[in-house]
């Protein structure tokens, strides 16, 4: 009988293992709202910085592409000019040889 009473006391006197979550106070709710607003403001500022950086990147990429196109065009023009210079040098050498040959013929 004593053991039954002891079991009944132990069973009825134990508190539930799961505790209830306390409800936040109005001050805690307001503080959380302010914290969230500050986080949102910081996120918006960072998003604006990112958008500005992306726009700057697009502008610089366009300038780089234009400069690359000009560089490639200049390289092609240089190749044409070098070919013309080589042809002119060869023609000048042939002309000089022809003049020298003519002097030999005239001198005889």
C-alpha atoms as a PDB file:
ATOM      1  CA  UNK A   1       0.000   0.000   0.000  1.00  0.00           C
ATOM      2  CA  UNK A   2       2.846   2.319   0.768  1.00  0.00           C
ATOM      3  CA  UNK A   3       4.366   1.565  -2.608  1.00  0.00           C
ATOM      4  CA  UNK A   4       1.085   2.398  -4.366  1.00  0.00           C
ATOM      5  CA  UNK A   5       0.880   5.729  -2.575  1.00  0.00           C
ATOM      6  CA  UNK A   6       4.495   6.483  -3.426  1.00  0.00           C
ATOM      7  CA  UNK A   7       3.896   5.708  -7.108  1.00  0.00           C
ATOM      8  CA  UNK A   8       0.782   7.879  -7.146  1.00  0.00           C
ATOM      9  CA  UNK A   9       2.627  10.808  -5.543  1.00  0.00           C
ATOM     10  CA  UNK A  10       5.544  10.577  -7.960  1.00  0.00           C
ATOM     11  CA  UNK A  11       3.281  10.259 -10.989  1.00  0.00           C
ATOM     12  CA  UNK A  12       1.023  13.169 -10.104  1.00  0.00           C
ATOM     13  CA  UNK A  13       3.712  15.524  -8.848  1.00  0.00           C
ATOM     14  CA  UNK A  14       5.974  15.557 -11.944  1.00  0.00           C
ATOM     15  CA  UNK A  15       5.744  18.610 -14.189  1.00  0.00           C
ATOM     16  CA  UNK A  16       5.399  18.184 -17.916  1.00  0.00           C
ATOM     17  CA  UNK A  17       8.739  17.934 -19.722  1.00  0.00           C
ATOM     18  CA  UNK A  18       7.803  20.442 -22.420  1.00  0.00           C
ATOM     19  CA  UNK A  19       7.681  24.034 -21.187  1.00  0.00           C
ATOM     20  CA  UNK A  20       5.484  26.633 -22.850  1.00  0.00           C
ATOM     21  CA  UNK A  21       7.218  29.355 -24.887  1.00  0.00           C
ATOM     22  CA  UNK A  22       6.692  32.681 -23.158  1.00  0.00           C
ATOM     23  CA  UNK A  23       4.799  35.309 -25.171  1.00  0.00           C
ATOM     24  CA  UNK A  24       6.906  38.322 -26.151  1.00  0.00           C
ATOM     25  CA  UNK A  25       6.065  41.661 -24.604  1.00  0.00           C
ATOM     26  CA  UNK A  26       5.027  44.668 -26.665  1.00  0.00           C
ATOM     27  CA  UNK A  27       8.451  46.211 -26.038  1.00  0.00           C
ATOM     28  CA  UNK A  28      10.135  43.067 -27.365  1.00  0.00           C
ATOM     29  CA  UNK A  29       7.885  43.102 -30.425  1.00  0.00           C
ATOM     30  CA  UNK A  30       8.676  46.765 -31.115  1.00  0.00           C
ATOM     31  CA  UNK A  31      12.401  46.142 -30.633  1.00  0.00           C
ATOM     32  CA  UNK A  32      12.230  43.235 -33.081  1.00  0.00           C
ATOM     33  CA  UNK A  33      10.370  45.416 -35.610  1.00  0.00           C
ATOM     34  CA  UNK A  34      13.019  48.135 -35.283  1.00  0.00           C
ATOM     35  CA  UNK A  35      15.791  45.578 -35.723  1.00  0.00           C
ATOM     36  CA  UNK A  36      14.103  44.177 -38.837  1.00  0.00           C
ATOM     37  CA  UNK A  37      13.612  47.686 -40.237  1.00  0.00           C
ATOM     38  CA  UNK A  38      17.308  48.429 -39.687  1.00  0.00           C
ATOM     39  CA  UNK A  39      18.265  45.174 -41.417  1.00  0.00           C
ATOM     40  CA  UNK A  40      15.948  46.014 -44.340  1.00  0.00           C
ATOM     41  CA  UNK A  41      17.430  49.503 -44.625  1.00  0.00           C
ATOM     42  CA  UNK A  42      20.971  48.072 -44.677  1.00  0.00           C
ATOM     43  CA  UNK A  43      19.949  45.484 -47.259  1.00  0.00           C
ATOM     44  CA  UNK A  44      18.344  48.171 -49.439  1.00  0.00           C
ATOM     45  CA  UNK A  45      21.502  50.294 -49.232  1.00  0.00           C
ATOM     46  CA  UNK A  46      23.646  47.328 -50.228  1.00  0.00           C
ATOM     47  CA  UNK A  47      21.270  46.512 -53.088  1.00  0.00           C
ATOM     48  CA  UNK A  48      21.583  50.093 -54.338  1.00  0.00           C
ATOM     49  CA  UNK A  49      25.387  49.863 -54.166  1.00  0.00           C
ATOM     50  CA  UNK A  50      25.281  46.578 -56.056  1.00  0.00           C
ATOM     51  CA  UNK A  51      23.036  48.045 -58.752  1.00  0.00           C
ATOM     52  CA  UNK A  52      25.393  51.010 -59.131  1.00  0.00           C
ATOM     53  CA  UNK A  53      28.408  48.692 -59.341  1.00  0.00           C
ATOM     54  CA  UNK A  54      26.661  46.541 -61.954  1.00  0.00           C
ATOM     55  CA  UNK A  55      25.878  49.622 -64.033  1.00  0.00           C
ATOM     56  CA  UNK A  56      29.487  50.757 -63.744  1.00  0.00           C
ATOM     57  CA  UNK A  57      30.637  47.298 -64.814  1.00  0.00           C
ATOM     58  CA  UNK A  58      28.362  47.382 -67.867  1.00  0.00           C
ATOM     59  CA  UNK A  59      29.686  50.832 -68.823  1.00  0.00           C
ATOM     60  CA  UNK A  60      33.303  49.781 -68.422  1.00  0.00           C
ATOM     61  CA  UNK A  61      32.685  46.563 -70.350  1.00  0.00           C
ATOM     62  CA  UNK A  62      31.202  48.568 -73.243  1.00  0.00           C
ATOM     63  CA  UNK A  63      34.220  50.906 -73.219  1.00  0.00           C
ATOM     64  CA  UNK A  64      36.609  47.944 -73.119  1.00  0.00           C
ATOM     65  CA  UNK A  65      34.818  46.277 -76.031  1.00  0.00           C
ATOM     66  CA  UNK A  66      34.985  49.486 -78.062  1.00  0.00           C
ATOM     67  CA  UNK A  67      38.695  49.871 -77.278  1.00  0.00           C
ATOM     68  CA  UNK A  68      39.308  46.244 -78.251  1.00  0.00           C
ATOM     69  CA  UNK A  69      37.526  46.804 -81.574  1.00  0.00           C
ATOM     70  CA  UNK A  70      39.683  49.868 -82.263  1.00  0.00           C
ATOM     71  CA  UNK A  71      42.823  47.913 -81.338  1.00  0.00           C
ATOM     72  CA  UNK A  72      41.934  45.051 -83.680  1.00  0.00           C
ATOM     73  CA  UNK A  73      41.160  47.546 -86.468  1.00  0.00           C
ATOM     74  CA  UNK A  74      44.531  49.263 -85.909  1.00  0.00           C
ATOM     75  CA  UNK A  75      46.316  45.895 -85.994  1.00  0.00           C
ATOM     76  CA  UNK A  76      44.696  45.083 -89.336  1.00  0.00           C
ATOM     77  CA  UNK A  77      45.643  48.511 -90.717  1.00  0.00           C
ATOM     78  CA  UNK A  78      49.208  47.993 -89.467  1.00  0.00           C
ATOM     79  CA  UNK A  79      49.407  44.611 -91.192  1.00  0.00           C
ATOM     80  CA  UNK A  80      48.242  46.210 -94.452  1.00  0.00           C
ATOM     81  CA  UNK A  81      50.752  49.050 -94.074  1.00  0.00           C
ATOM     82  CA  UNK A  82      53.576  46.612 -93.326  1.00  0.00           C
ATOM     83  CA  UNK A  83      52.710  44.581 -96.422  1.00  0.00           C
ATOM     84  CA  UNK A  84      52.676  47.776 -98.507  1.00  0.00           C
ATOM     85  CA  UNK A  85      56.035  48.830 -97.021  1.00  0.00           C
ATOM     86  CA  UNK A  86      57.572  45.429 -97.829  1.00  0.00           C
ATOM     87  CA  UNK A  87      56.251  45.641-101.391  1.00  0.00           C
ATOM     88  CA  UNK A  88      57.592  49.200-101.745  1.00  0.00           C
ATOM     89  CA  UNK A  89      60.989  48.152-100.379  1.00  0.00           C
ATOM     90  CA  UNK A  90      61.151  45.252-102.790  1.00  0.00           C
ATOM     91  CA  UNK A  91      60.148  47.544-105.685  1.00  0.00           C
ATOM     92  CA  UNK A  92      62.782  50.079-104.596  1.00  0.00           C
ATOM     93  CA  UNK A  93      65.438  47.356-104.522  1.00  0.00           C
ATOM     94  CA  UNK A  94      64.394  46.124-107.968  1.00  0.00           C
ATOM     95  CA  UNK A  95      64.399  49.686-109.299  1.00  0.00           C
ATOM     96  CA  UNK A  96      67.851  50.360-107.820  1.00  0.00           C
ATOM     97  CA  UNK A  97      69.144  47.164-109.425  1.00  0.00           C
ATOM     98  CA  UNK A  98      67.612  48.190-112.761  1.00  0.00           C
ATOM     99  CA  UNK A  99      69.191  51.650-112.513  1.00  0.00           C
ATOM    100  CA  UNK A 100      72.562  50.111-111.681  1.00  0.00           C
ATOM    101  CA  UNK A 101      72.241  47.755-114.632  1.00  0.00           C
ATOM    102  CA  UNK A 102      71.322  50.702-116.869  1.00  0.00           C
ATOM    103  CA  UNK A 103      74.420  52.589-115.694  1.00  0.00           C
ATOM    104  CA  UNK A 104      76.538  49.590-116.576  1.00  0.00           C
ATOM    105  CA  UNK A 105      75.003  49.397-120.021  1.00  0.00           C
ATOM    106  CA  UNK A 106      75.304  53.144-120.621  1.00  0.00           C
ATOM    107  CA  UNK A 107      78.830  53.215-119.265  1.00  0.00           C
ATOM    108  CA  UNK A 108      80.053  50.639-121.827  1.00  0.00           C
END
